[in-house]
Each structure stands twice: as structure tokens, then as C-alpha cells.
N, C-alpha and C. Protein backbone atom coordinates (compact mmCIF):
# COMPACT_ATOMS: atom_id res chain seq x y z
N PRO A 1 -52.76 66.34 -36.74
CA PRO A 1 -51.58 66.74 -37.79
C PRO A 1 -51.17 68.07 -37.44
N PHE A 2 -49.89 68.38 -37.76
CA PHE A 2 -49.39 69.62 -37.56
C PHE A 2 -49.98 70.80 -38.70
N ASP A 3 -50.22 71.91 -38.16
CA ASP A 3 -50.92 72.96 -39.09
C ASP A 3 -49.55 74.16 -39.19
N CYS A 4 -48.45 73.74 -38.82
CA CYS A 4 -47.68 75.00 -38.82
C CYS A 4 -46.24 74.38 -39.06
N GLN A 5 -45.19 75.07 -39.70
CA GLN A 5 -43.90 74.88 -39.63
C GLN A 5 -42.92 75.82 -39.47
N VAL A 6 -41.90 75.78 -38.70
CA VAL A 6 -40.84 76.76 -38.37
C VAL A 6 -39.66 76.56 -39.32
N GLN A 7 -39.45 77.58 -40.09
CA GLN A 7 -38.28 77.40 -41.02
C GLN A 7 -37.03 77.71 -40.30
N VAL A 8 -36.18 76.85 -40.21
CA VAL A 8 -34.82 77.19 -39.59
C VAL A 8 -33.63 76.76 -40.80
N GLY A 9 -33.27 77.82 -41.27
CA GLY A 9 -32.46 77.60 -42.40
C GLY A 9 -33.08 77.11 -43.72
N ALA A 10 -32.55 75.69 -44.08
CA ALA A 10 -33.20 74.76 -44.80
C ALA A 10 -34.28 73.74 -44.24
N THR A 11 -34.21 73.73 -43.01
CA THR A 11 -35.03 72.81 -42.24
C THR A 11 -36.38 73.26 -41.88
N CYS A 12 -37.30 72.54 -41.96
CA CYS A 12 -38.78 72.96 -41.44
C CYS A 12 -39.09 71.90 -40.35
N ILE A 13 -39.35 72.44 -39.22
CA ILE A 13 -39.73 71.91 -38.20
C ILE A 13 -41.30 72.09 -37.94
N PRO A 14 -41.93 70.75 -37.86
CA PRO A 14 -43.53 70.93 -37.88
C PRO A 14 -43.86 71.31 -36.37
N ILE A 15 -44.82 72.13 -36.13
CA ILE A 15 -45.38 72.22 -34.98
C ILE A 15 -46.76 72.83 -34.94
N HIS A 16 -47.62 72.75 -33.99
CA HIS A 16 -48.98 73.24 -33.95
C HIS A 16 -48.86 74.75 -33.73
N LYS A 17 -49.76 75.50 -34.43
CA LYS A 17 -49.84 76.72 -33.94
C LYS A 17 -50.21 77.17 -32.84
N THR A 18 -51.05 76.37 -32.06
CA THR A 18 -51.60 76.66 -30.73
C THR A 18 -50.16 76.62 -29.86
N ALA A 19 -49.33 75.80 -30.08
CA ALA A 19 -48.01 75.87 -29.28
C ALA A 19 -47.28 77.20 -29.43
N LEU A 20 -47.13 77.59 -30.52
CA LEU A 20 -46.45 79.02 -30.89
C LEU A 20 -47.25 79.98 -30.22
N ARG A 21 -48.60 80.07 -30.21
CA ARG A 21 -49.32 81.06 -29.73
C ARG A 21 -49.13 81.03 -28.13
N LEU A 22 -49.26 79.94 -27.83
CA LEU A 22 -49.17 79.84 -26.22
C LEU A 22 -47.73 80.11 -25.57
N ASN A 23 -46.65 80.12 -26.47
CA ASN A 23 -45.31 80.34 -26.02
C ASN A 23 -44.70 81.62 -26.34
N SER A 24 -44.92 82.14 -27.56
CA SER A 24 -44.40 83.28 -28.04
C SER A 24 -45.29 84.16 -28.97
N SER A 25 -45.42 85.40 -28.47
CA SER A 25 -46.47 86.19 -29.18
C SER A 25 -45.47 86.66 -30.39
N LEU A 26 -44.10 86.48 -30.60
CA LEU A 26 -43.31 87.24 -31.59
C LEU A 26 -43.12 86.08 -32.64
N LEU A 27 -43.33 84.77 -32.44
CA LEU A 27 -43.23 83.64 -33.40
C LEU A 27 -44.62 83.72 -33.88
N THR A 28 -45.63 84.18 -33.45
CA THR A 28 -46.96 83.99 -33.95
C THR A 28 -47.29 85.25 -34.89
N THR A 29 -47.16 84.99 -36.13
CA THR A 29 -47.55 86.17 -36.96
C THR A 29 -49.04 86.38 -37.20
N GLY A 30 -49.44 87.39 -37.66
CA GLY A 30 -50.95 87.41 -38.02
C GLY A 30 -51.43 86.28 -38.86
N GLU A 31 -50.63 85.65 -39.80
CA GLU A 31 -51.01 84.42 -40.36
C GLU A 31 -51.29 83.28 -39.44
N VAL A 32 -50.43 83.12 -38.73
CA VAL A 32 -50.63 81.98 -37.67
C VAL A 32 -51.76 82.20 -36.85
N SER A 33 -51.96 83.49 -36.24
CA SER A 33 -53.17 83.79 -35.19
C SER A 33 -54.34 83.84 -36.07
N TYR A 34 -54.49 84.28 -37.28
CA TYR A 34 -55.98 84.26 -37.84
C TYR A 34 -56.22 83.53 -39.01
N ASN A 35 -55.30 82.75 -39.45
CA ASN A 35 -55.61 81.72 -40.51
C ASN A 35 -56.35 80.49 -40.08
N SER A 36 -57.42 80.58 -40.70
CA SER A 36 -58.49 79.44 -40.18
C SER A 36 -58.33 78.42 -41.38
N ASN A 37 -57.78 78.50 -42.36
CA ASN A 37 -57.55 77.62 -43.54
C ASN A 37 -56.78 76.56 -43.07
N LEU A 38 -56.96 75.43 -43.97
CA LEU A 38 -56.40 74.13 -43.68
C LEU A 38 -54.85 74.22 -44.17
N ASP A 39 -54.23 75.33 -44.85
CA ASP A 39 -53.14 75.21 -45.44
C ASP A 39 -52.06 75.29 -44.32
N LEU A 40 -50.89 74.30 -44.60
CA LEU A 40 -49.81 74.44 -43.74
C LEU A 40 -49.14 76.06 -43.64
N ILE A 41 -48.90 76.56 -42.54
CA ILE A 41 -48.27 77.94 -42.43
C ILE A 41 -46.97 77.70 -42.19
N HIS A 42 -45.91 78.55 -42.73
CA HIS A 42 -44.64 78.67 -42.55
C HIS A 42 -44.27 79.85 -41.75
N VAL A 43 -43.41 79.68 -40.63
CA VAL A 43 -42.90 80.75 -39.99
C VAL A 43 -41.32 80.71 -39.94
N GLY A 44 -40.62 81.86 -40.18
CA GLY A 44 -39.32 81.81 -40.35
C GLY A 44 -38.70 82.54 -39.09
N VAL A 45 -37.53 82.10 -38.83
CA VAL A 45 -36.72 82.66 -37.65
C VAL A 45 -35.56 83.28 -38.11
N GLU A 46 -34.77 84.02 -37.51
CA GLU A 46 -33.80 84.92 -37.71
C GLU A 46 -32.65 84.06 -38.41
N GLU A 47 -31.96 84.78 -39.06
CA GLU A 47 -30.77 84.03 -40.01
C GLU A 47 -29.75 83.42 -38.94
N GLU A 48 -29.64 84.23 -37.70
CA GLU A 48 -28.67 84.06 -36.60
C GLU A 48 -28.87 82.49 -36.17
N PHE A 49 -30.17 81.83 -36.35
CA PHE A 49 -30.30 80.55 -35.88
C PHE A 49 -30.45 79.52 -36.92
N ALA A 50 -30.04 79.79 -38.20
CA ALA A 50 -30.19 79.21 -39.42
C ALA A 50 -29.41 77.73 -39.22
N GLY A 51 -28.18 77.96 -38.61
CA GLY A 51 -27.22 76.79 -38.49
C GLY A 51 -27.54 75.84 -37.21
N ARG A 52 -28.56 76.05 -36.51
CA ARG A 52 -28.87 75.38 -35.52
C ARG A 52 -30.08 74.88 -35.40
N ALA A 53 -30.67 73.97 -36.39
CA ALA A 53 -32.04 73.75 -36.45
C ALA A 53 -32.14 72.72 -35.46
N ASP A 54 -31.11 71.80 -35.06
CA ASP A 54 -30.97 70.80 -34.04
C ASP A 54 -31.51 71.41 -32.54
N LEU A 55 -31.12 72.52 -32.22
CA LEU A 55 -31.28 73.27 -30.97
C LEU A 55 -32.56 73.92 -30.92
N ILE A 56 -32.93 74.50 -32.27
CA ILE A 56 -34.36 74.93 -32.30
C ILE A 56 -35.42 74.09 -32.31
N LYS A 57 -35.03 72.64 -32.68
CA LYS A 57 -36.22 71.76 -32.57
C LYS A 57 -36.30 71.13 -31.14
N ILE A 58 -35.24 71.53 -30.50
CA ILE A 58 -35.33 71.06 -28.93
C ILE A 58 -36.12 72.07 -28.28
N ILE A 59 -35.84 73.22 -28.58
CA ILE A 59 -36.60 74.45 -27.85
C ILE A 59 -38.15 74.30 -28.29
N LEU A 60 -38.47 74.04 -29.72
CA LEU A 60 -39.76 74.00 -30.06
C LEU A 60 -40.60 72.64 -29.27
N GLU A 61 -39.89 71.72 -29.30
CA GLU A 61 -40.40 70.42 -28.39
C GLU A 61 -40.80 71.02 -26.86
N GLY A 62 -40.03 71.68 -26.46
CA GLY A 62 -40.02 72.07 -25.13
C GLY A 62 -41.48 72.91 -25.01
N PHE A 63 -41.95 73.65 -26.20
CA PHE A 63 -43.22 74.39 -26.20
C PHE A 63 -44.29 73.59 -25.69
N TYR A 64 -44.38 72.34 -25.84
CA TYR A 64 -45.40 71.34 -25.52
C TYR A 64 -45.16 71.12 -23.79
N SER A 65 -43.88 70.81 -23.44
CA SER A 65 -43.79 70.71 -21.90
C SER A 65 -43.44 71.84 -20.99
N GLY A 66 -42.97 72.79 -21.69
CA GLY A 66 -42.46 73.90 -20.80
C GLY A 66 -40.97 73.90 -20.30
N SER A 67 -40.27 72.80 -20.76
CA SER A 67 -38.94 72.51 -20.27
C SER A 67 -38.17 72.07 -21.50
N VAL A 68 -36.80 72.36 -21.31
CA VAL A 68 -35.88 71.75 -22.30
C VAL A 68 -34.75 71.04 -21.65
N GLU A 69 -34.37 70.10 -22.23
CA GLU A 69 -33.01 69.38 -21.65
C GLU A 69 -31.90 69.75 -22.64
N LEU A 70 -30.88 70.58 -21.93
CA LEU A 70 -29.68 71.02 -22.54
C LEU A 70 -28.35 70.51 -22.04
N SER A 71 -27.49 70.27 -22.78
CA SER A 71 -26.08 70.05 -22.20
C SER A 71 -25.66 71.34 -21.67
N PRO A 72 -24.58 71.36 -20.57
CA PRO A 72 -24.02 72.48 -20.13
C PRO A 72 -23.06 73.27 -21.13
N ASP A 73 -23.29 73.19 -22.28
CA ASP A 73 -22.35 73.84 -23.31
C ASP A 73 -22.59 75.37 -23.49
N ILE A 74 -21.68 76.17 -23.15
CA ILE A 74 -22.00 77.62 -23.16
C ILE A 74 -22.59 78.29 -24.38
N THR A 75 -22.07 77.72 -25.64
CA THR A 75 -22.40 78.15 -26.80
C THR A 75 -24.10 77.70 -27.11
N ASP A 76 -24.36 76.55 -26.41
CA ASP A 76 -25.94 76.23 -26.60
C ASP A 76 -26.71 77.06 -25.75
N LEU A 77 -26.26 77.22 -24.65
CA LEU A 77 -26.87 77.90 -23.57
C LEU A 77 -27.19 79.35 -24.17
N GLN A 78 -26.05 79.98 -24.48
CA GLN A 78 -26.24 81.40 -25.09
C GLN A 78 -27.28 81.39 -26.30
N MET A 79 -27.24 80.54 -27.13
CA MET A 79 -28.20 80.35 -28.30
C MET A 79 -29.54 80.27 -27.90
N VAL A 80 -29.62 79.49 -26.99
CA VAL A 80 -30.94 79.21 -26.48
C VAL A 80 -31.66 80.42 -25.78
N TYR A 81 -30.74 81.13 -24.96
CA TYR A 81 -31.20 82.31 -24.25
C TYR A 81 -31.32 83.54 -25.36
N LYS A 82 -30.53 83.55 -26.52
CA LYS A 82 -30.89 84.50 -27.35
C LYS A 82 -32.29 84.28 -28.24
N PHE A 83 -32.43 83.24 -28.36
CA PHE A 83 -33.61 82.62 -28.93
C PHE A 83 -34.87 83.19 -28.03
N GLY A 84 -34.94 82.66 -26.78
CA GLY A 84 -35.87 83.07 -25.84
C GLY A 84 -35.97 84.59 -25.75
N LYS A 85 -34.97 85.42 -25.82
CA LYS A 85 -35.35 86.72 -25.80
C LYS A 85 -35.71 87.36 -27.14
N THR A 86 -35.24 86.75 -28.13
CA THR A 86 -35.63 87.28 -29.55
C THR A 86 -37.07 87.12 -29.73
N HIS A 87 -37.66 85.81 -29.39
CA HIS A 87 -38.95 85.37 -29.59
C HIS A 87 -39.72 85.63 -28.49
N SER A 88 -39.42 86.33 -27.40
CA SER A 88 -39.93 86.69 -25.98
C SER A 88 -40.76 85.32 -25.44
N VAL A 89 -40.07 84.43 -25.15
CA VAL A 89 -40.43 83.25 -24.42
C VAL A 89 -40.00 83.16 -23.05
N THR A 90 -40.84 83.58 -22.07
CA THR A 90 -40.53 83.95 -20.84
C THR A 90 -39.86 82.65 -20.22
N TRP A 91 -40.76 81.62 -20.23
CA TRP A 91 -40.19 80.46 -19.33
C TRP A 91 -38.87 79.91 -19.80
N LEU A 92 -38.48 80.11 -21.06
CA LEU A 92 -37.23 79.69 -21.67
C LEU A 92 -36.15 80.46 -21.14
N LEU A 93 -36.46 81.97 -21.08
CA LEU A 93 -35.39 82.81 -20.41
C LEU A 93 -35.12 82.48 -19.06
N GLN A 94 -36.09 82.29 -18.25
CA GLN A 94 -35.78 81.96 -16.73
C GLN A 94 -35.14 80.66 -16.73
N ARG A 95 -35.42 79.78 -17.32
CA ARG A 95 -34.77 78.37 -17.11
C ARG A 95 -33.39 78.48 -17.81
N THR A 96 -33.05 79.11 -18.80
CA THR A 96 -31.90 79.19 -19.35
C THR A 96 -30.83 80.14 -18.55
N ARG A 97 -31.53 81.11 -17.84
CA ARG A 97 -30.73 81.90 -17.02
C ARG A 97 -30.25 81.06 -15.65
N ARG A 98 -31.02 80.28 -15.09
CA ARG A 98 -30.80 79.45 -14.15
C ARG A 98 -29.70 78.51 -14.59
N MET A 99 -29.69 78.01 -15.87
CA MET A 99 -28.63 77.24 -16.32
C MET A 99 -27.32 77.78 -16.43
N LEU A 100 -27.19 78.89 -16.99
CA LEU A 100 -26.14 79.85 -17.06
C LEU A 100 -25.31 80.09 -15.65
N VAL A 101 -26.32 80.31 -14.80
CA VAL A 101 -25.85 80.42 -13.37
C VAL A 101 -25.01 79.21 -12.85
N SER A 102 -25.73 78.00 -13.18
CA SER A 102 -25.22 77.00 -12.81
C SER A 102 -24.07 76.54 -13.46
N TYR A 103 -23.89 76.84 -14.71
CA TYR A 103 -22.80 76.67 -15.52
C TYR A 103 -21.47 77.26 -14.94
N ILE A 104 -21.71 78.35 -14.46
CA ILE A 104 -20.45 79.04 -13.70
C ILE A 104 -19.86 78.20 -12.69
N LYS A 105 -20.68 77.45 -11.99
CA LYS A 105 -20.26 76.61 -10.72
C LYS A 105 -19.92 75.24 -11.31
N LEU A 106 -19.81 74.90 -12.28
CA LEU A 106 -19.68 73.48 -12.78
C LEU A 106 -18.38 72.70 -12.14
N ASN A 107 -17.51 73.52 -11.90
CA ASN A 107 -16.15 72.85 -11.63
C ASN A 107 -15.40 73.84 -10.52
N ASP A 108 -14.26 73.37 -10.18
CA ASP A 108 -13.49 74.22 -9.01
C ASP A 108 -12.75 75.46 -9.59
N ASN A 109 -12.89 75.89 -10.81
CA ASN A 109 -12.29 76.93 -11.47
C ASN A 109 -13.38 77.72 -12.30
N PRO A 110 -14.30 78.46 -11.40
CA PRO A 110 -15.46 79.21 -12.00
C PRO A 110 -15.09 80.56 -12.63
N ALA A 111 -13.68 80.99 -12.55
CA ALA A 111 -13.30 82.23 -13.15
C ALA A 111 -13.71 82.45 -14.63
N PRO A 112 -13.18 81.37 -15.24
CA PRO A 112 -13.14 81.54 -16.89
C PRO A 112 -14.73 81.47 -17.14
N ARG A 113 -15.54 80.53 -16.51
CA ARG A 113 -17.04 80.44 -16.81
C ARG A 113 -17.67 81.87 -16.38
N PHE A 114 -17.40 82.16 -15.26
CA PHE A 114 -18.06 83.75 -14.84
C PHE A 114 -17.88 84.67 -15.94
N VAL A 115 -16.57 84.79 -16.31
CA VAL A 115 -16.36 85.74 -17.34
C VAL A 115 -17.20 85.64 -18.70
N ASP A 116 -17.17 84.44 -19.11
CA ASP A 116 -18.22 84.09 -20.30
C ASP A 116 -19.53 84.28 -20.16
N VAL A 117 -20.40 84.10 -18.85
CA VAL A 117 -21.59 84.38 -18.64
C VAL A 117 -21.91 85.92 -18.40
N PHE A 118 -20.93 86.43 -17.54
CA PHE A 118 -21.00 87.86 -17.30
C PHE A 118 -20.76 88.67 -18.70
N ASN A 119 -20.06 88.34 -19.42
CA ASN A 119 -19.77 89.19 -20.71
C ASN A 119 -21.25 88.94 -21.58
N PHE A 120 -21.56 87.76 -21.74
CA PHE A 120 -22.72 87.52 -22.46
C PHE A 120 -23.92 88.24 -21.82
N ALA A 121 -24.21 88.37 -20.47
CA ALA A 121 -25.25 88.84 -19.81
C ALA A 121 -25.10 90.39 -20.27
N HIS A 122 -23.95 91.02 -20.57
CA HIS A 122 -23.92 92.37 -21.02
C HIS A 122 -24.29 92.45 -22.38
N VAL A 123 -23.81 91.50 -23.09
CA VAL A 123 -24.09 91.48 -24.62
C VAL A 123 -25.46 91.42 -25.05
N VAL A 124 -26.40 90.72 -24.22
CA VAL A 124 -27.92 90.61 -24.49
C VAL A 124 -28.62 91.38 -23.41
N TRP A 125 -27.80 92.29 -22.68
CA TRP A 125 -28.39 93.20 -21.52
C TRP A 125 -29.53 92.36 -20.75
N CYS A 126 -28.96 91.38 -19.92
CA CYS A 126 -30.05 90.66 -19.00
C CYS A 126 -29.51 91.11 -17.57
N GLU A 127 -30.22 92.22 -17.09
CA GLU A 127 -29.97 92.64 -15.86
C GLU A 127 -30.13 91.58 -14.62
N ASP A 128 -31.00 90.79 -14.81
CA ASP A 128 -31.19 89.67 -13.88
C ASP A 128 -30.15 88.78 -13.74
N LEU A 129 -29.50 88.50 -14.94
CA LEU A 129 -28.10 87.68 -15.07
C LEU A 129 -27.02 88.20 -14.60
N ILE A 130 -27.05 89.53 -14.92
CA ILE A 130 -25.83 90.50 -14.54
C ILE A 130 -25.87 90.28 -12.83
N LYS A 131 -26.95 90.68 -12.43
CA LYS A 131 -26.94 90.60 -10.75
C LYS A 131 -26.62 89.46 -10.31
N GLU A 132 -27.34 88.17 -10.81
CA GLU A 132 -26.80 86.96 -10.37
C GLU A 132 -25.24 86.60 -10.37
N CYS A 133 -24.72 87.13 -11.59
CA CYS A 133 -23.45 86.88 -11.59
C CYS A 133 -22.40 87.79 -10.54
N LEU A 134 -23.07 88.88 -10.32
CA LEU A 134 -22.26 89.93 -9.19
C LEU A 134 -22.66 89.21 -7.84
N ASP A 135 -23.66 88.56 -7.57
CA ASP A 135 -23.79 87.85 -6.37
C ASP A 135 -23.04 86.68 -6.21
N LEU A 136 -22.88 85.77 -7.36
CA LEU A 136 -21.71 84.75 -7.18
C LEU A 136 -20.36 85.32 -7.04
N LEU A 137 -20.19 86.25 -7.73
CA LEU A 137 -18.80 87.18 -7.64
C LEU A 137 -18.50 87.33 -6.09
N THR A 138 -19.48 87.76 -5.50
CA THR A 138 -19.33 88.36 -4.03
C THR A 138 -18.93 87.21 -3.08
N GLN A 139 -19.75 86.03 -3.52
CA GLN A 139 -19.77 84.93 -2.59
C GLN A 139 -18.89 83.85 -2.80
N ASP A 140 -18.62 83.66 -4.10
CA ASP A 140 -17.88 82.39 -4.52
C ASP A 140 -16.55 82.63 -5.22
N ILE A 141 -16.35 83.96 -5.81
CA ILE A 141 -15.16 84.08 -6.63
C ILE A 141 -13.95 85.12 -5.91
N ALA A 142 -13.03 84.76 -5.19
CA ALA A 142 -12.10 85.39 -4.50
C ALA A 142 -11.43 86.58 -5.15
N ARG A 143 -10.87 87.66 -4.36
CA ARG A 143 -10.25 88.82 -4.98
C ARG A 143 -9.13 88.46 -6.00
N ASP A 144 -8.34 87.24 -5.62
CA ASP A 144 -7.24 86.94 -6.60
C ASP A 144 -7.72 86.39 -7.87
N ILE A 145 -8.71 85.78 -7.96
CA ILE A 145 -9.41 85.30 -9.15
C ILE A 145 -10.06 86.40 -10.07
N ILE A 146 -10.25 87.60 -9.40
CA ILE A 146 -10.73 88.77 -10.25
C ILE A 146 -9.46 89.36 -11.07
N ARG A 147 -8.43 89.43 -10.41
CA ARG A 147 -7.10 89.97 -10.86
C ARG A 147 -6.84 89.02 -12.47
N MET A 148 -7.20 87.63 -12.13
CA MET A 148 -6.85 86.82 -13.19
C MET A 148 -7.82 87.14 -14.43
N ILE A 149 -9.07 87.40 -14.20
CA ILE A 149 -10.09 87.55 -15.17
C ILE A 149 -10.37 88.95 -15.78
N PHE A 150 -9.76 90.01 -14.97
CA PHE A 150 -10.04 91.44 -15.52
C PHE A 150 -9.50 91.58 -16.93
N LYS A 151 -8.62 90.95 -17.42
CA LYS A 151 -8.15 91.15 -18.77
C LYS A 151 -9.15 90.63 -19.83
N ARG A 152 -9.86 89.66 -19.52
CA ARG A 152 -11.06 89.04 -20.22
C ARG A 152 -12.25 89.86 -20.38
N LEU A 153 -12.57 90.73 -19.23
CA LEU A 153 -13.88 91.41 -19.23
C LEU A 153 -14.22 92.39 -20.19
N SER A 154 -15.32 92.73 -20.58
CA SER A 154 -15.50 93.63 -21.43
C SER A 154 -15.58 95.06 -20.84
N VAL A 155 -15.49 96.06 -21.42
CA VAL A 155 -15.70 97.27 -20.90
C VAL A 155 -17.09 97.42 -20.06
N HIS A 156 -17.95 97.10 -20.48
CA HIS A 156 -19.27 97.02 -19.88
C HIS A 156 -19.22 96.28 -18.61
N SER A 157 -18.79 94.94 -18.64
CA SER A 157 -18.54 94.18 -17.33
C SER A 157 -17.92 94.96 -16.35
N VAL A 158 -16.52 95.26 -16.79
CA VAL A 158 -15.91 96.11 -15.87
C VAL A 158 -16.69 97.38 -15.11
N LYS A 159 -17.47 97.96 -15.93
CA LYS A 159 -18.46 99.07 -15.41
C LYS A 159 -19.24 98.61 -14.31
N SER A 160 -19.90 97.40 -14.84
CA SER A 160 -20.73 97.08 -13.61
C SER A 160 -20.05 96.81 -12.35
N LEU A 161 -18.78 96.15 -12.47
CA LEU A 161 -17.94 95.71 -11.15
C LEU A 161 -17.65 97.05 -10.50
N THR A 162 -17.40 98.15 -11.13
CA THR A 162 -16.94 99.29 -10.37
C THR A 162 -18.02 100.02 -9.87
N THR A 163 -19.15 99.89 -10.41
CA THR A 163 -20.56 100.72 -9.95
C THR A 163 -21.36 99.90 -9.00
N SER A 164 -20.98 98.57 -8.93
CA SER A 164 -21.74 97.55 -7.87
C SER A 164 -21.68 97.99 -6.43
N THR A 165 -22.75 97.95 -5.88
CA THR A 165 -23.06 98.18 -4.53
C THR A 165 -22.67 96.98 -3.56
N THR A 166 -22.66 95.65 -4.23
CA THR A 166 -22.64 94.52 -3.49
C THR A 166 -21.33 93.87 -3.54
N LEU A 167 -20.51 94.48 -4.08
CA LEU A 167 -18.94 93.92 -4.39
C LEU A 167 -18.36 93.74 -3.06
N ALA A 168 -17.72 92.59 -2.83
CA ALA A 168 -17.10 92.12 -1.54
C ALA A 168 -15.80 92.94 -1.49
N ILE A 169 -15.20 93.46 -2.32
CA ILE A 169 -13.91 94.02 -2.10
C ILE A 169 -13.90 95.49 -2.29
N SER A 170 -12.98 96.27 -1.82
CA SER A 170 -13.20 97.91 -1.55
C SER A 170 -12.96 98.27 -2.99
N GLU A 171 -13.53 99.54 -3.12
CA GLU A 171 -13.33 100.37 -4.26
C GLU A 171 -11.82 100.65 -4.76
N TRP A 172 -11.00 100.82 -3.52
CA TRP A 172 -9.68 101.21 -3.59
C TRP A 172 -8.82 99.88 -4.24
N THR A 173 -9.15 98.75 -3.68
CA THR A 173 -8.66 97.32 -4.26
C THR A 173 -9.04 97.31 -5.65
N LEU A 174 -10.24 97.50 -5.89
CA LEU A 174 -10.63 97.10 -7.32
C LEU A 174 -10.13 98.23 -8.20
N TYR A 175 -9.57 99.58 -7.91
CA TYR A 175 -9.08 100.40 -8.55
C TYR A 175 -7.63 99.99 -8.93
N HIS A 176 -6.85 99.32 -7.92
CA HIS A 176 -5.56 98.90 -8.33
C HIS A 176 -5.77 97.48 -9.07
N LEU A 177 -6.61 96.91 -9.05
CA LEU A 177 -6.70 95.57 -9.90
C LEU A 177 -6.93 96.29 -11.37
N VAL A 178 -7.84 97.15 -11.36
CA VAL A 178 -7.94 97.65 -12.80
C VAL A 178 -6.59 98.20 -13.38
N ALA A 179 -6.03 99.09 -12.56
CA ALA A 179 -4.79 99.95 -12.94
C ALA A 179 -3.64 98.74 -13.15
N SER A 180 -3.68 97.69 -12.63
CA SER A 180 -2.41 96.76 -12.87
C SER A 180 -2.64 95.92 -14.12
N CYS A 181 -3.89 95.81 -14.70
CA CYS A 181 -4.16 95.09 -15.68
C CYS A 181 -3.83 95.79 -17.07
């Protein structure tokens, strides 16, 4: 039987406290770690996740297998990454980061997807994801696509581009692209 429940908004998701302990030190409150009673323990998550009990349930089920099956929906991927970062679930961060990079390559028009992921990487300050996006930019996204996406980039994203040592276009060209937007 389950000995713990994770409260997501009005929904309670049953889970074993051992699964919580093995996957997230931040979801493991003192009560989860040290309670030897037979009482059911309740653990709450941040309000940001309250409306996504369906997604949190998929994540918590992944605590048993070490993997999650997600659709390539950017909103879901971003929410899962935030959950992993908020609750320090390392394997979830690594898997979701790979999925976000794959999301950029889903079709023959990667520019809008690149901007979505690159801006998100700056919002959550994931240096690894920022670097992977920059690597894709140098290999997969041509100079004329940069012109199209510059208007959608955040200030922090533009700064990463302008200070990148791996960017495939010259600093002079980049300056003109920024100035023309």
C-alpha cells in the first residue's frame, strides 16, 4: 500500500515515500524521511503545478521507472523541466533537456521552436540547454533565420548570442542584424 500522497491542487496522487526519497531530496520533507508511523503522509507541490495534476502524475509514475513518456508539446516539456528543477530531480532534468533539444528539430522550420526553447533556457537559467541551443544555431539555423527570430528573442538571449564564442556568423554581421531589428 502507498504510504504517501502528493497534493497537486485538489488532487492527491498516491506514491511510496521510498520513491520520493530516491528521486527528490526536495520533495522529501522531514515527515517523509523520519515518520515511521503508519499514517498516510501528505506532501504538497508549488501552486504553479496545481492545474497540471495529470502531468505531475506522469512524472511521479516515472519515479519508479526512471523515465517519462511525454508528447512533444512545448508547454508540457517546460512544465516538466520546471518541476525537475524545482524539486531537484536530476534524471528528469537530463531527459527533458534532451526532449527540448529534439523539439527544436521536429520539422523543417526550427526557428520558432529554437526561440521558444532558447528563451525558456534563459528563464530557468539552464546553462547546458543554452549551450545546446547555441550549438544547434551554429550547425542548423542559417544566418537569414536569425534575422527572422531576433524580434522574438529576449534581452538575455540576445546577450548570449552576442557574447557566444561558438557563433557561426561574424560579430559585425550580428551587429547589423541586431541594429536592423
